[in-house]
Amino acid sequence: MARPSAHDHRSDSHDDPDVSGDRAGSDGPGDRRPAGRDRSPGRRLPWYFGLPIALAAVLAVLFAAARLDLIPGLPDPFARQEIDRSQPALLKSIQNMSRYTAATGNFQVIVDLDQDAKFLPSQVLGKRTLYVAAGTVGAYVDLGALQQGAVTVSEDRRTASIVLPHAQLADTALDVRKSYVFSQQRGFFDRIGDFFSGNPGDQQKLEILATEKIQAAAKDTALTTTAETNTTAMLQGLLRSLGFTTVTVTTGA
């Protein structure tokens, strides 16, 4: 039997591609990783970690589109809904009135309320508020307060005489829709206090002060005189329409 020559041995090892490829591509005898896989030392995050970021990006795009009206018909996902849960009004009493309101005055006043500390500057502790208030004051004649004998009629029912009481001013009716806080300056500690708790008493104090000022201003006007003149004209026209030819109306009872 013939022995294989050295030339044949060298040819077989050279023609075997698997053997040469394993030797050239392997890093060592313990390397079993398949060829073509990423061998970088870093580790990738799981896919579900990107969901919050993607969701936040989608919400930001929808919010911007709704605010800027980029997509017509797209509702604002952050819009607030106002619901009135107030209880129905309760009628507590009915008061009979015999007043004839013959004149009404419309007023506007600017309330400048300054609340300062005695020993601290206003930048630290203090509050100044400018409140624009609008209200009305009516002037009336109380026909129910006629004295006995205040109305006299002639036998032929052609002449009538009436003595009326003086006109009075009604209470000020503040118009909250036309009243508002124009400006407000607050000290450091007042800002902190208003941040943690609202103080509705301040608004009520402004309204009360504005009502008092309007009521005082109405007394210096000709509202009562105008009301007496208008009441006289109303009664004269009414009695003449009933057939009276001479109607005398005086005030001062």
Protein backbone atom coordinates (compact mmCIF):
# COMPACT_ATOMS: atom_id res chain seq x y z
CA MET A 1 0.00 0.00 0.00
CA ALA A 2 1.36 3.41 -0.98
CA ARG A 3 1.77 6.12 1.62
CA PRO A 4 0.33 9.55 1.01
CA SER A 5 2.91 11.98 0.01
CA ALA A 6 3.65 15.26 1.68
CA HIS A 7 2.48 17.07 -1.45
CA ASP A 8 -0.95 15.50 -1.16
CA HIS A 9 -1.26 16.51 2.51
CA ARG A 10 -0.48 20.14 1.77
CA SER A 11 -2.98 20.22 -1.08
CA ASP A 12 -5.84 18.89 1.07
CA SER A 13 -5.38 21.43 3.85
CA HIS A 14 -5.16 24.29 1.36
CA ASP A 15 -8.31 23.29 -0.50
CA ASP A 16 -10.51 23.05 2.66
CA PRO A 17 -12.26 26.52 3.00
CA ASP A 18 -14.02 25.73 6.26
CA VAL A 19 -10.84 25.06 8.10
CA SER A 20 -9.13 28.19 6.89
CA GLY A 21 -12.21 30.33 7.53
CA ASP A 22 -12.63 29.17 11.11
CA ARG A 23 -9.04 29.80 11.92
CA ALA A 24 -8.97 33.24 10.37
CA GLY A 25 -12.27 34.52 11.77
CA SER A 26 -12.21 33.11 15.30
CA ASP A 27 -10.94 35.12 18.21
CA GLY A 28 -10.04 32.09 20.23
CA PRO A 29 -10.93 28.55 20.97
CA GLY A 30 -13.93 29.61 23.15
CA ASP A 31 -15.56 31.96 20.62
CA ARG A 32 -18.89 30.51 19.40
CA ARG A 33 -20.72 33.76 18.36
CA PRO A 34 -22.18 33.59 14.86
CA ALA A 35 -20.65 35.83 12.27
CA GLY A 36 -22.51 39.10 11.42
CA ARG A 37 -24.00 39.89 14.93
CA ASP A 38 -23.20 43.25 16.53
CA ARG A 39 -20.44 42.79 19.07
CA SER A 40 -20.58 46.34 20.56
CA PRO A 41 -20.18 46.38 24.35
CA GLY A 42 -23.30 48.67 24.94
CA ARG A 43 -26.76 47.24 25.68
CA ARG A 44 -29.91 48.61 24.01
CA LEU A 45 -32.95 49.72 26.11
CA PRO A 46 -36.15 47.69 25.77
CA TRP A 47 -38.64 48.98 23.21
CA TYR A 48 -41.32 49.82 25.77
CA PHE A 49 -39.15 52.51 27.35
CA GLY A 50 -39.87 54.73 24.35
CA LEU A 51 -43.67 54.64 24.76
CA PRO A 52 -43.92 57.50 27.32
CA ILE A 53 -41.72 59.73 25.18
CA ALA A 54 -43.75 59.00 22.06
CA LEU A 55 -47.02 59.58 23.92
CA ALA A 56 -45.77 62.91 25.30
CA ALA A 57 -44.72 64.01 21.81
CA VAL A 58 -48.16 63.15 20.38
CA LEU A 59 -49.95 65.03 23.15
CA ALA A 60 -47.72 68.07 22.63
CA VAL A 61 -48.51 68.10 18.91
CA LEU A 62 -52.26 67.77 19.55
CA PHE A 63 -52.17 70.50 22.18
CA ALA A 64 -50.32 72.90 19.85
CA ALA A 65 -52.64 72.09 16.93
CA ALA A 66 -55.75 72.65 19.06
CA ARG A 67 -54.46 75.92 20.53
CA LEU A 68 -53.31 77.34 17.19
CA ASP A 69 -56.36 75.97 15.31
CA LEU A 70 -54.13 74.22 12.79
CA ILE A 71 -56.62 71.40 12.30
CA PRO A 72 -60.22 72.71 12.04
CA GLY A 73 -62.66 70.73 14.12
CA LEU A 74 -60.00 69.33 16.45
CA PRO A 75 -61.24 69.73 20.06
CA ASP A 76 -58.93 71.13 22.70
CA PRO A 77 -58.03 68.18 24.98
CA PHE A 78 -57.20 70.59 27.82
CA ALA A 79 -60.32 72.76 27.58
CA ARG A 80 -62.19 73.33 30.84
CA GLN A 81 -65.91 72.87 31.27
CA GLU A 82 -67.89 75.18 33.53
CA ILE A 83 -70.81 73.59 35.36
CA ASP A 84 -73.23 75.60 37.46
CA ARG A 85 -74.24 73.46 40.46
CA SER A 86 -76.04 76.25 42.31
CA GLN A 87 -79.26 75.53 44.13
CA PRO A 88 -82.50 77.24 43.01
CA ALA A 89 -83.34 80.58 44.59
CA LEU A 90 -85.60 80.46 47.62
CA LEU A 91 -88.34 83.07 48.07
CA LYS A 92 -88.29 84.04 51.72
CA SER A 93 -90.90 86.80 51.82
CA ILE A 94 -92.99 89.22 49.75
CA GLN A 95 -93.24 92.85 50.79
CA ASN A 96 -96.04 95.05 49.50
CA MET A 97 -94.81 98.37 48.16
CA SER A 98 -96.72 101.59 47.55
CA ARG A 99 -93.77 103.55 46.26
CA TYR A 100 -93.80 105.43 43.02
CA THR A 101 -90.23 105.60 41.74
CA ALA A 102 -90.17 108.78 39.72
CA ALA A 103 -86.42 109.29 39.12
CA THR A 104 -83.25 107.21 39.02
CA GLY A 105 -79.65 108.36 39.12
CA ASN A 106 -76.75 106.41 37.60
CA PHE A 107 -73.46 106.82 39.45
CA GLN A 108 -69.86 105.73 39.11
CA VAL A 109 -67.19 106.04 41.77
CA ILE A 110 -63.53 105.00 42.03
CA VAL A 111 -62.68 103.63 45.45
CA ASP A 112 -59.01 104.01 46.39
CA LEU A 113 -58.48 101.79 49.43
CA ASP A 114 -54.98 101.91 50.90
CA GLN A 115 -54.12 99.47 53.72
CA ASP A 116 -50.63 100.18 55.06
CA ALA A 117 -48.70 98.93 58.06
CA LYS A 118 -47.58 101.51 60.58
CA PHE A 119 -43.96 100.43 60.90
CA LEU A 120 -43.31 98.57 57.64
CA PRO A 121 -43.01 99.83 54.06
CA SER A 122 -45.78 99.06 51.62
CA GLN A 123 -43.46 96.83 49.58
CA VAL A 124 -43.25 94.46 52.54
CA LEU A 125 -46.74 94.67 54.05
CA GLY A 126 -49.56 96.66 52.54
CA LYS A 127 -52.24 96.68 49.91
CA ARG A 128 -53.70 99.40 47.69
CA THR A 129 -56.73 98.71 45.52
CA LEU A 130 -58.48 100.84 42.92
CA TYR A 131 -62.07 99.67 42.53
CA VAL A 132 -64.39 101.09 39.88
CA ALA A 133 -68.00 100.79 41.05
CA ALA A 134 -71.22 101.53 39.18
CA GLY A 135 -74.63 101.75 40.79
CA THR A 136 -78.04 103.34 40.69
CA VAL A 137 -80.10 105.21 43.26
CA GLY A 138 -83.84 105.67 42.87
CA ALA A 139 -85.97 108.47 44.24
CA TYR A 140 -89.57 107.65 45.14
CA VAL A 141 -92.72 109.04 46.68
CA ASP A 142 -94.45 106.76 49.15
CA LEU A 143 -98.13 106.99 48.24
CA GLY A 144 -98.97 104.67 51.09
CA ALA A 145 -97.84 107.32 53.58
CA LEU A 146 -100.56 109.84 52.65
CA GLN A 147 -102.02 111.49 55.71
CA GLN A 148 -105.73 111.45 56.45
CA GLY A 149 -107.39 114.23 54.50
CA ALA A 150 -104.50 114.53 52.07
CA VAL A 151 -106.88 113.98 49.14
CA THR A 152 -109.89 116.24 48.70
CA VAL A 153 -112.46 116.16 45.87
CA SER A 154 -115.16 118.72 45.09
CA GLU A 155 -118.81 117.72 45.05
CA ASP A 156 -119.05 118.09 41.28
CA ARG A 157 -115.95 115.94 40.91
CA ARG A 158 -114.23 118.55 38.84
CA THR A 159 -111.61 119.71 41.29
CA ALA A 160 -109.11 117.57 43.21
CA SER A 161 -106.35 118.45 45.62
CA ILE A 162 -103.57 116.11 46.83
CA VAL A 163 -100.84 116.71 49.40
CA LEU A 164 -97.90 114.35 48.92
CA PRO A 165 -95.06 113.48 51.28
CA HIS A 166 -91.56 114.46 50.28
CA ALA A 167 -89.63 112.16 48.00
CA GLN A 168 -87.00 109.87 49.48
CA LEU A 169 -83.91 108.08 48.21
CA ALA A 170 -83.87 104.32 47.90
CA ASP A 171 -80.86 102.20 48.79
CA THR A 172 -78.01 102.02 46.31
CA ALA A 173 -78.17 99.09 43.92
CA LEU A 174 -74.61 98.15 42.95
CA ASP A 175 -74.20 96.86 39.41
CA VAL A 176 -71.71 94.00 39.79
CA ARG A 177 -71.42 93.52 36.02
CA LYS A 178 -70.07 97.03 35.59
CA SER A 179 -67.98 97.08 38.78
CA TYR A 180 -64.43 95.72 38.76
CA VAL A 181 -60.99 95.95 40.35
CA PHE A 182 -58.95 98.29 38.15
CA SER A 183 -55.55 97.74 39.79
CA GLN A 184 -54.08 96.29 42.96
CA GLN A 185 -50.67 96.71 44.55
CA ARG A 186 -49.68 94.23 47.24
CA GLY A 187 -46.72 93.84 49.52
CA PHE A 188 -44.60 90.70 49.74
CA PHE A 189 -46.42 89.13 52.67
CA ASP A 190 -49.82 90.06 51.24
CA ARG A 191 -48.99 88.20 48.03
CA ILE A 192 -48.05 85.11 50.01
CA GLY A 193 -51.24 85.30 52.06
CA ASP A 194 -53.44 85.72 48.99
CA PHE A 195 -51.70 82.77 47.33
CA PHE A 196 -52.54 80.31 50.08
CA SER A 197 -56.03 81.57 50.94
CA GLY A 198 -58.46 83.91 49.24
CA ASN A 199 -60.09 86.65 51.26
CA PRO A 200 -63.60 87.38 50.00
CA GLY A 201 -63.99 89.92 52.78
CA ASP A 202 -61.80 92.37 50.85
CA GLN A 203 -64.21 92.36 47.91
CA GLN A 204 -67.16 92.81 50.24
CA LYS A 205 -65.43 95.71 51.97
CA LEU A 206 -64.89 97.44 48.63
CA GLU A 207 -68.53 96.98 47.65
CA ILE A 208 -69.80 98.33 50.95
CA LEU A 209 -67.50 101.34 50.73
CA ALA A 210 -68.57 102.03 47.14
CA THR A 211 -72.24 101.76 48.10
CA GLU A 212 -71.80 104.27 50.90
CA LYS A 213 -70.03 106.74 48.63
CA ILE A 214 -72.72 106.49 45.94
CA GLN A 215 -75.47 106.93 48.52
CA ALA A 216 -73.77 110.02 49.91
CA ALA A 217 -73.31 111.47 46.42
CA ALA A 218 -76.99 110.96 45.62
CA LYS A 219 -77.99 113.20 48.53
CA ASP A 220 -76.20 116.15 46.91
CA THR A 221 -78.16 115.82 43.67
CA ALA A 222 -81.63 116.94 42.57
CA LEU A 223 -83.01 113.41 42.52
CA THR A 224 -85.70 114.01 45.14
CA THR A 225 -86.80 117.27 43.55
CA THR A 226 -87.04 115.57 40.16
CA ALA A 227 -89.03 112.71 41.69
CA GLU A 228 -91.56 115.14 43.22
CA THR A 229 -91.97 116.99 39.93
CA ASN A 230 -92.50 113.76 38.00
CA THR A 231 -94.98 112.45 40.56
CA THR A 232 -96.99 115.66 40.36
CA ALA A 233 -97.13 115.42 36.57
CA MET A 234 -98.20 111.78 36.74
CA LEU A 235 -101.07 112.43 39.18
CA GLN A 236 -102.31 115.45 37.27
CA GLY A 237 -102.43 113.52 34.02
CA LEU A 238 -104.15 110.55 35.69
CA LEU A 239 -106.88 112.61 37.39
CA ARG A 240 -107.56 114.71 34.31
CA SER A 241 -108.05 111.53 32.32
CA LEU A 242 -110.75 110.63 34.89
CA GLY A 243 -112.67 113.86 34.24
CA PHE A 244 -111.16 116.32 36.72
CA THR A 245 -110.52 119.72 35.22
CA THR A 246 -108.56 121.24 38.08
CA VAL A 247 -105.91 119.17 39.85
CA THR A 248 -103.66 120.63 42.55
CA VAL A 249 -100.72 118.59 43.83
CA THR A 250 -98.47 119.89 46.60
CA THR A 251 -95.71 118.29 48.65
CA GLY A 252 -94.71 118.78 52.25
CA ALA A 253 -96.91 116.46 54.28
